[in-house]
Amino acid sequence: MELILWFVFAVWIAAGLFAFWNITGVTILRPQPSSPLPASQRPRVSILLAARNEQAMLPATLDSLLKLDYPDFEIILVDDDSDDLTGAIADEWAQLHGTDGKLRVIHNHHLPPGWHGKVHAMSLAAEAATGEWVLSTDADVVFHPSLLQQAVDLGLRKGLQFLSLTPEVEMQSWAEKVVLPAFGLLLFMLFPLRLVNDPRRQRSMAAGAFMLMRHDDLKALGGYARLRGTLIEDLRMAELFKRNGRRTYLGVTRGVFRTRMYENWREVFEGLARSAWEGTGCSLWKVLGGVAIGNGLAVLPWLSLIALWLSNLLTGTPPAQNPAFIAAAAACAASAVIYCPVVVFAGLSPLYTFTLPIASLFYSAVSVASAFRSLAGPGLQWKGRSYQPPAT
């Protein structure tokens, strides 16, 4: 056990060095009052918005989009067969703000066979788009007025065909604060920004809350029809662009747009389970391996530390004289040092650093449940719809 714990310690140290290497040189967009490019040089942007049962957040999203400090854009909102007041809210906003052509609403009540709901809705929006660039976003995102002009400037400056930006995630419930920072760390390690943004590498990644794409390239690559059966359209869209020779980039933001993804344990579980199975490549071995490795790194050191402390207490052995206890303490300290900056960057108290084992066990349950539902159960559920991941 002592050797295993020292190995875990070494892995955490290596992960910390890797993370430090990964974050150097990362572009972080922050609010800016103006842009160096004149309005005449700015391409028209079509903002594509798919909304299903988003009555709570949609007004704030539309309000922020209509206040964007950008000279030429349109919003195409697809009400994706909502069961709530989303469609009515969209129509009301279109009546108030649609006379200038900024906002158009499409009501969709038909999902063709083989398509998943959001992808089909985004396809309808893209077909109606008139912009040189299209921005795919979500109906629960709030934008800073400067975000679009900053993103377009960045895309033009870097000669990109695809630009994705990560939002700040609002976390209010204990479920969000425990699970989501750990999930962010997992994605950060699996999809290092240095590799994602290196055109020589195949690794690609995107955040579905913000994907800015050249419209001609999207159409040339087959559009959303190429992604019709996927549940992780953001990752697949980035793959589609990068593997076909387009220049892609994933950036980080602070203070320019935010979203709240989930509100409670159930929503966190169902939201992550929806994409977990496809995210592993629909591989049971990857699921089991991920569970073993994740808990070995995040749970084992803390369980060992507690068990060894109790053992030392019962036997009267000083902890400093127990090599296994020292190894466990070192592994726990290493994990805390690496994970604490992630928690703080998320805007949370450093005390949430010590909830990493809970997050690991929770995500293990999510992964196993996602695999079981896909292989032997009724499929995956989200927003009142049942989904099956693409066939392997």
Protein backbone atom coordinates (compact mmCIF):
# COMPACT_ATOMS: atom_id res chain seq x y z
CA MET A 1 0.00 0.00 0.00
CA GLU A 2 2.84 2.38 0.80
CA LEU A 3 4.28 2.05 -2.72
CA ILE A 4 0.85 2.59 -4.26
CA LEU A 5 0.36 5.77 -2.26
CA TRP A 6 3.76 7.10 -3.26
CA PHE A 7 2.86 6.34 -6.87
CA VAL A 8 -0.36 8.33 -6.45
CA PHE A 9 1.70 11.18 -4.99
CA ALA A 10 4.00 11.09 -8.03
CA VAL A 11 1.03 11.13 -10.42
CA TRP A 12 -0.41 14.22 -8.72
CA ILE A 13 2.95 15.99 -8.91
CA ALA A 14 3.22 15.13 -12.60
CA ALA A 15 -0.35 16.35 -13.12
CA GLY A 16 0.53 19.65 -11.46
CA LEU A 17 3.54 20.18 -13.71
CA PHE A 18 1.45 19.26 -16.73
CA ALA A 19 -1.27 21.72 -15.70
CA PHE A 20 1.28 24.52 -15.25
CA TRP A 21 2.69 23.82 -18.72
CA ASN A 22 -0.82 23.70 -20.13
CA ILE A 23 -2.06 27.06 -18.85
CA THR A 24 0.94 29.14 -19.92
CA GLY A 25 0.10 31.23 -22.95
CA VAL A 26 -3.66 30.68 -22.71
CA THR A 27 -5.79 33.51 -24.09
CA ILE A 28 -8.19 34.83 -21.45
CA LEU A 29 -10.87 37.22 -22.69
CA ARG A 30 -11.97 39.88 -20.21
CA PRO A 31 -14.39 42.80 -20.65
CA GLN A 32 -13.08 45.54 -22.93
CA PRO A 33 -14.81 48.84 -23.72
CA SER A 34 -13.92 49.09 -27.40
CA SER A 35 -12.37 47.30 -30.35
CA PRO A 36 -9.50 48.25 -32.68
CA LEU A 37 -11.42 47.17 -35.81
CA PRO A 38 -13.76 49.65 -37.54
CA ALA A 39 -17.37 48.60 -38.04
CA SER A 40 -16.90 48.36 -41.81
CA GLN A 41 -14.43 45.50 -41.36
CA ARG A 42 -16.69 43.43 -39.15
CA PRO A 43 -18.47 40.47 -40.74
CA ARG A 44 -22.18 39.90 -40.21
CA VAL A 45 -22.79 37.32 -37.47
CA SER A 46 -25.82 35.05 -37.14
CA ILE A 47 -26.39 33.96 -33.54
CA LEU A 48 -28.00 30.50 -33.47
CA LEU A 49 -30.02 29.66 -30.40
CA ALA A 50 -31.81 26.37 -29.65
CA ALA A 51 -34.23 26.59 -26.73
CA ARG A 52 -36.17 23.74 -25.15
CA ASN A 53 -37.94 24.35 -21.83
CA GLU A 54 -35.83 27.42 -21.03
CA GLN A 55 -38.54 29.79 -19.80
CA ALA A 56 -36.59 30.71 -16.66
CA MET A 57 -33.36 31.83 -18.34
CA LEU A 58 -34.45 32.82 -21.85
CA PRO A 59 -35.40 36.46 -21.07
CA ALA A 60 -31.99 37.17 -19.53
CA THR A 61 -30.25 35.49 -22.46
CA LEU A 62 -32.19 37.45 -25.10
CA ASP A 63 -31.74 40.70 -23.21
CA SER A 64 -27.96 40.23 -23.10
CA LEU A 65 -27.78 39.24 -26.78
CA LEU A 66 -29.78 42.24 -27.94
CA LYS A 67 -27.43 44.52 -25.98
CA LEU A 68 -24.30 43.22 -27.71
CA ASP A 69 -21.93 45.99 -28.78
CA TYR A 70 -21.60 44.77 -32.36
CA PRO A 71 -22.74 46.57 -35.52
CA ASP A 72 -24.18 43.75 -37.63
CA PHE A 73 -25.77 40.64 -36.15
CA GLU A 74 -29.01 38.68 -36.14
CA ILE A 75 -30.47 36.21 -33.65
CA ILE A 76 -32.22 33.10 -34.93
CA LEU A 77 -33.99 31.31 -32.10
CA VAL A 78 -35.48 27.85 -32.58
CA ASP A 79 -38.11 26.84 -30.04
CA ASP A 80 -37.44 23.10 -29.96
CA ASP A 81 -40.92 21.76 -29.15
CA SER A 82 -40.88 23.15 -25.61
CA ASP A 83 -43.38 21.98 -23.00
CA ASP A 84 -43.29 25.27 -21.08
CA LEU A 85 -43.63 28.95 -22.02
CA THR A 86 -40.36 29.15 -23.98
CA GLY A 87 -42.13 29.57 -27.32
CA ALA A 88 -44.49 32.25 -26.03
CA ILE A 89 -41.62 34.17 -24.43
CA ALA A 90 -39.64 34.00 -27.68
CA ASP A 91 -42.60 35.30 -29.68
CA GLU A 92 -43.13 38.15 -27.23
CA TRP A 93 -39.50 39.21 -27.50
CA ALA A 94 -39.64 38.94 -31.29
CA GLN A 95 -42.66 41.26 -31.39
CA LEU A 96 -40.88 43.79 -29.21
CA HIS A 97 -37.47 43.61 -30.86
CA GLY A 98 -37.98 41.89 -34.20
CA THR A 99 -38.89 44.93 -36.27
CA ASP A 100 -35.23 45.78 -36.82
CA GLY A 101 -34.45 42.25 -38.01
CA LYS A 102 -32.34 41.39 -34.98
CA LEU A 103 -34.49 38.52 -33.73
CA ARG A 104 -36.31 35.79 -35.64
CA VAL A 105 -38.12 32.84 -34.07
CA ILE A 106 -38.66 29.40 -35.61
CA HIS A 107 -41.05 26.97 -33.94
CA ASN A 108 -40.05 23.35 -34.49
CA HIS A 109 -42.43 20.52 -33.59
CA HIS A 110 -40.91 17.71 -35.64
CA LEU A 111 -37.80 15.66 -34.94
CA PRO A 112 -36.75 13.58 -37.95
CA PRO A 113 -35.59 9.98 -37.36
CA GLY A 114 -31.89 9.71 -36.58
CA TRP A 115 -31.58 13.27 -35.31
CA HIS A 116 -31.07 14.48 -31.77
CA GLY A 117 -33.12 17.47 -30.71
CA LYS A 118 -30.58 20.23 -30.17
CA VAL A 119 -28.55 19.33 -33.25
CA HIS A 120 -31.68 19.41 -35.42
CA ALA A 121 -32.74 22.75 -33.96
CA MET A 122 -29.30 24.23 -34.62
CA SER A 123 -29.44 22.87 -38.16
CA LEU A 124 -32.71 24.72 -38.77
CA ALA A 125 -31.19 27.91 -37.39
CA ALA A 126 -28.06 27.54 -39.53
CA GLU A 127 -30.15 27.07 -42.67
CA ALA A 128 -31.88 30.39 -41.98
CA ALA A 129 -28.66 32.25 -41.17
CA THR A 130 -27.44 35.07 -43.41
CA GLY A 131 -24.18 35.92 -41.64
CA GLU A 132 -20.60 35.35 -42.79
CA TRP A 133 -20.03 33.88 -39.35
CA VAL A 134 -22.44 31.87 -37.22
CA LEU A 135 -22.36 31.72 -33.44
CA SER A 136 -23.86 28.65 -31.80
CA THR A 137 -24.82 29.30 -28.20
CA ASP A 138 -27.26 28.15 -25.51
CA ALA A 139 -30.49 29.63 -24.19
CA ASP A 140 -29.19 29.81 -20.61
CA VAL A 141 -26.13 32.00 -21.26
CA VAL A 142 -25.76 35.69 -20.35
CA PHE A 143 -23.34 37.76 -22.45
CA HIS A 144 -21.31 40.86 -21.68
CA PRO A 145 -21.89 43.52 -24.39
CA SER A 146 -18.27 43.33 -25.57
CA LEU A 147 -18.04 39.56 -25.97
CA LEU A 148 -19.00 39.21 -29.62
CA GLN A 149 -16.73 41.98 -30.87
CA GLN A 150 -13.83 40.57 -28.84
CA ALA A 151 -14.44 37.08 -30.19
CA VAL A 152 -14.66 38.24 -33.81
CA ASP A 153 -11.49 40.29 -33.37
CA LEU A 154 -9.71 37.24 -31.95
CA GLY A 155 -10.93 35.02 -34.76
CA LEU A 156 -9.84 37.46 -37.47
CA ARG A 157 -6.51 38.16 -35.81
CA LYS A 158 -5.63 34.47 -35.54
CA GLY A 159 -7.06 33.53 -38.93
CA LEU A 160 -9.52 31.07 -37.42
CA GLN A 161 -12.42 29.20 -38.95
CA PHE A 162 -13.67 27.95 -35.57
CA LEU A 163 -13.45 29.65 -32.18
CA SER A 164 -14.91 28.33 -28.94
CA LEU A 165 -14.86 30.03 -25.55
CA THR A 166 -15.51 28.59 -22.11
CA PRO A 167 -18.04 30.45 -19.94
CA GLU A 168 -17.94 31.14 -16.24
CA VAL A 169 -20.24 28.59 -14.63
CA GLU A 170 -22.50 29.86 -11.87
CA MET A 171 -22.69 27.43 -8.97
CA GLN A 172 -25.21 27.98 -6.20
CA SER A 173 -26.18 24.55 -4.88
CA TRP A 174 -23.86 22.23 -3.01
CA ALA A 175 -24.17 19.71 -5.85
CA GLU A 176 -22.80 22.19 -8.38
CA LYS A 177 -19.97 23.33 -6.12
CA VAL A 178 -18.85 19.79 -5.34
CA VAL A 179 -19.07 18.19 -8.78
CA LEU A 180 -18.55 20.81 -11.49
CA PRO A 181 -15.03 22.03 -10.59
CA ALA A 182 -13.83 18.42 -10.55
CA PHE A 183 -15.50 17.80 -13.90
CA GLY A 184 -13.74 20.89 -15.24
CA LEU A 185 -10.39 19.55 -14.03
CA LEU A 186 -11.11 16.24 -15.77
CA LEU A 187 -11.81 17.97 -19.09
CA PHE A 188 -8.76 20.21 -18.63
CA MET A 189 -6.51 17.16 -18.23
CA LEU A 190 -8.11 15.12 -21.03
CA PHE A 191 -8.13 18.03 -23.48
CA PRO A 192 -5.03 20.15 -22.78
CA LEU A 193 -5.39 23.60 -24.29
CA ARG A 194 -1.88 23.53 -25.72
CA LEU A 195 -2.71 20.41 -27.73
CA VAL A 196 -6.25 21.49 -28.59
CA ASN A 197 -4.94 24.78 -30.01
CA ASP A 198 -2.00 23.22 -31.86
CA PRO A 199 -2.95 22.78 -35.55
CA ARG A 200 -0.43 19.94 -35.81
CA ARG A 201 -2.31 17.87 -33.24
CA GLN A 202 -5.56 15.98 -33.73
CA ARG A 203 -6.85 16.71 -30.21
CA SER A 204 -9.89 19.01 -30.33
CA MET A 205 -12.41 20.39 -27.88
CA ALA A 206 -15.12 23.04 -27.69
CA ALA A 207 -17.63 24.51 -25.27
CA GLY A 208 -21.18 24.35 -26.59
CA ALA A 209 -22.07 27.66 -24.96
CA PHE A 210 -19.95 29.53 -27.54
CA MET A 211 -18.90 28.20 -30.93
CA LEU A 212 -18.12 30.88 -33.53
CA MET A 213 -17.71 29.43 -37.03
CA ARG A 214 -17.24 30.72 -40.55
CA HIS A 215 -20.53 30.01 -42.28
CA ASP A 216 -18.98 28.96 -45.59
CA ASP A 217 -16.77 26.43 -43.85
CA LEU A 218 -19.69 25.04 -41.86
CA LYS A 219 -21.66 24.51 -45.07
CA ALA A 220 -18.67 23.06 -46.92
CA LEU A 221 -18.19 20.49 -44.16
CA GLY A 222 -21.80 19.34 -44.34
CA GLY A 223 -23.24 21.44 -41.53
CA TYR A 224 -25.10 20.04 -38.57
CA ALA A 225 -26.31 17.10 -40.65
CA ARG A 226 -22.86 15.58 -40.10
CA LEU A 227 -23.57 15.56 -36.36
CA ARG A 228 -27.22 14.51 -36.43
CA GLY A 229 -26.88 11.51 -34.09
CA THR A 230 -24.45 12.87 -31.51
CA LEU A 231 -25.10 13.97 -27.93
CA ILE A 232 -21.81 15.88 -27.68
CA GLU A 233 -22.19 18.18 -30.66
CA ASP A 234 -19.65 20.69 -29.34
CA LEU A 235 -16.80 18.19 -29.28
CA ARG A 236 -17.87 16.66 -32.60
CA MET A 237 -18.09 20.06 -34.29
CA ALA A 238 -14.57 20.94 -33.18
CA GLU A 239 -13.38 17.56 -34.48
CA LEU A 240 -15.14 18.13 -37.80
CA PHE A 241 -13.42 21.46 -38.36
CA LYS A 242 -9.96 20.50 -37.16
CA ARG A 243 -9.74 17.13 -38.90
CA ASN A 244 -10.69 18.78 -42.16
CA GLY A 245 -7.83 21.25 -42.02
CA ARG A 246 -9.60 24.24 -40.51
CA ARG A 247 -7.92 26.40 -37.89
CA THR A 248 -9.62 25.99 -34.50
CA TYR A 249 -9.06 27.59 -31.12
CA LEU A 250 -10.43 27.16 -27.58
CA GLY A 251 -10.11 30.13 -25.24
CA VAL A 252 -10.98 30.94 -21.63
CA THR A 253 -13.06 33.89 -20.44
CA ARG A 254 -13.52 35.86 -17.24
CA GLY A 255 -16.36 38.31 -16.79
CA VAL A 256 -17.68 38.24 -20.37
CA PHE A 257 -20.30 35.49 -20.24
CA ARG A 258 -21.78 33.11 -17.74
CA THR A 259 -24.18 30.22 -17.49
CA ARG A 260 -25.80 28.06 -14.87
CA MET A 261 -25.89 24.51 -16.16
CA TYR A 262 -27.71 22.68 -13.37
CA GLU A 263 -29.51 23.43 -10.11
CA ASN A 264 -29.46 20.26 -7.99
CA TRP A 265 -28.01 16.77 -7.62
CA ARG A 266 -30.51 15.21 -10.00
CA GLU A 267 -29.89 17.73 -12.77
CA VAL A 268 -26.12 17.40 -12.39
CA PHE A 269 -26.42 13.61 -12.55
CA GLU A 270 -28.73 13.53 -15.58
CA GLY A 271 -26.85 16.28 -17.42
CA LEU A 272 -23.48 14.57 -17.10
CA ALA A 273 -24.91 11.09 -17.72
CA ARG A 274 -26.39 12.27 -21.01
CA SER A 275 -22.95 12.65 -22.57
CA ALA A 276 -20.67 10.47 -20.43
CA TRP A 277 -21.08 7.26 -22.43
CA GLU A 278 -20.42 8.83 -25.82
CA GLY A 279 -17.61 10.84 -24.25
CA THR A 280 -15.75 7.59 -23.53
CA GLY A 281 -16.15 6.48 -27.12
CA CYS A 282 -18.91 4.09 -26.00
CA SER A 283 -16.26 1.85 -24.45
CA LEU A 284 -17.08 -0.12 -21.31
CA TRP A 285 -13.37 -0.69 -20.70
CA LYS A 286 -12.75 3.06 -20.70
CA VAL A 287 -15.60 3.55 -18.24
CA LEU A 288 -14.25 0.92 -15.85
CA GLY A 289 -10.69 2.13 -16.29
CA GLY A 290 -11.73 5.72 -15.66
CA VAL A 291 -13.58 4.72 -12.50
CA ALA A 292 -10.56 2.82 -11.20
CA ILE A 293 -8.02 5.51 -12.03
CA GLY A 294 -10.17 8.42 -10.85
CA ASN A 295 -10.97 6.89 -7.49
CA GLY A 296 -7.42 5.64 -7.11
CA LEU A 297 -6.18 9.22 -7.40
CA ALA A 298 -8.96 11.10 -5.61
CA VAL A 299 -10.44 8.68 -3.06
CA LEU A 300 -7.78 6.15 -2.10
CA PRO A 301 -5.34 8.63 -0.48
CA TRP A 302 -8.02 10.11 1.79
CA LEU A 303 -9.49 6.75 2.76
CA SER A 304 -6.00 5.48 3.50
CA LEU A 305 -5.15 8.55 5.54
CA ILE A 306 -8.27 8.17 7.69
CA ALA A 307 -7.84 4.40 8.11
CA LEU A 308 -4.16 4.71 9.02
CA TRP A 309 -4.85 7.56 11.44
CA LEU A 310 -7.45 5.44 13.23
CA SER A 311 -5.06 2.49 13.26
CA ASN A 312 -2.30 4.64 14.72
CA LEU A 313 -4.72 5.97 17.30
CA LEU A 314 -5.75 2.48 18.40
CA THR A 315 -2.22 1.09 18.51
CA GLY A 316 -0.60 4.18 19.98
CA THR A 317 1.85 4.45 17.07
CA PRO A 318 2.97 8.02 16.32
CA PRO A 319 1.95 8.91 12.72
CA ALA A 320 5.49 10.05 11.93
CA GLN A 321 6.71 6.50 12.54
CA ASN A 322 4.27 4.96 10.06
CA PRO A 323 5.69 5.15 6.50
CA ALA A 324 2.31 4.33 4.95
CA PHE A 325 0.67 7.20 6.83
CA ILE A 326 3.36 9.59 5.59
CA ALA A 327 2.80 8.38 2.01
CA ALA A 328 -0.97 8.85 2.35
CA ALA A 329 -0.51 12.33 3.80
CA ALA A 330 1.85 13.27 0.96
CA ALA A 331 -0.62 12.02 -1.66
CA CYS A 332 -3.49 13.93 -0.03
CA ALA A 333 -1.41 17.09 0.19
CA ALA A 334 -0.39 16.83 -3.46
CA SER A 335 -3.99 16.39 -4.61
CA ALA A 336 -5.10 19.36 -2.50
CA VAL A 337 -2.34 21.62 -3.82
CA ILE A 338 -3.25 20.78 -7.43
CA TYR A 339 -7.02 20.94 -7.02
CA CYS A 340 -7.26 24.05 -4.85
CA PRO A 341 -6.46 26.52 -7.70
CA VAL A 342 -9.24 24.93 -9.76
CA VAL A 343 -11.72 25.51 -6.95
CA VAL A 344 -10.57 29.09 -6.40
CA PHE A 345 -10.67 29.85 -10.15
CA ALA A 346 -14.29 28.68 -10.08
CA GLY A 347 -14.99 31.35 -7.47
CA LEU A 348 -15.48 28.95 -4.56
CA SER A 349 -14.07 28.68 -1.06
CA PRO A 350 -10.80 26.71 -0.85
CA LEU A 351 -12.61 24.39 1.57
CA TYR A 352 -14.28 22.77 -1.44
CA THR A 353 -10.87 21.34 -2.26
CA PHE A 354 -11.61 18.58 0.23
CA THR A 355 -14.78 17.49 -1.57
CA LEU A 356 -12.80 16.00 -4.47
CA PRO A 357 -13.33 12.39 -3.24
CA ILE A 358 -17.11 12.97 -3.18
CA ALA A 359 -16.99 14.36 -6.71
CA SER A 360 -14.97 11.38 -7.91
CA LEU A 361 -17.41 8.86 -6.46
CA PHE A 362 -20.35 10.81 -7.86
CA TYR A 363 -18.91 10.94 -11.37
CA SER A 364 -18.10 7.23 -11.17
CA ALA A 365 -21.79 6.60 -10.54
CA VAL A 366 -22.67 8.89 -13.45
CA SER A 367 -20.34 7.02 -15.82
CA VAL A 368 -21.60 3.59 -14.82
CA ALA A 369 -25.24 4.69 -15.02
CA SER A 370 -24.70 6.24 -18.45
CA ALA A 371 -23.10 3.03 -19.71
CA PHE A 372 -25.83 0.83 -18.24
CA ARG A 373 -28.67 2.94 -19.63
CA SER A 374 -27.08 2.95 -23.07
CA LEU A 375 -26.25 -0.75 -23.20
CA ALA A 376 -29.06 -2.42 -21.29
CA GLY A 377 -31.51 0.22 -20.16
CA PRO A 378 -34.05 2.60 -21.66
CA GLY A 379 -31.49 5.02 -23.05
CA LEU A 380 -30.52 8.47 -21.82
CA GLN A 381 -33.00 11.08 -20.64
CA TRP A 382 -32.77 14.86 -20.93
CA LYS A 383 -35.45 17.56 -20.94
CA GLY A 384 -38.26 15.10 -21.45
CA ARG A 385 -36.67 13.22 -24.34
CA SER A 386 -35.07 9.80 -24.60
CA TYR A 387 -31.81 9.46 -26.48
CA GLN A 388 -29.64 6.65 -27.71
CA PRO A 389 -25.94 7.32 -28.28
CA PRO A 390 -24.58 6.71 -31.79
CA ALA A 391 -23.79 3.12 -32.66
CA THR A 392 -20.16 2.14 -32.26
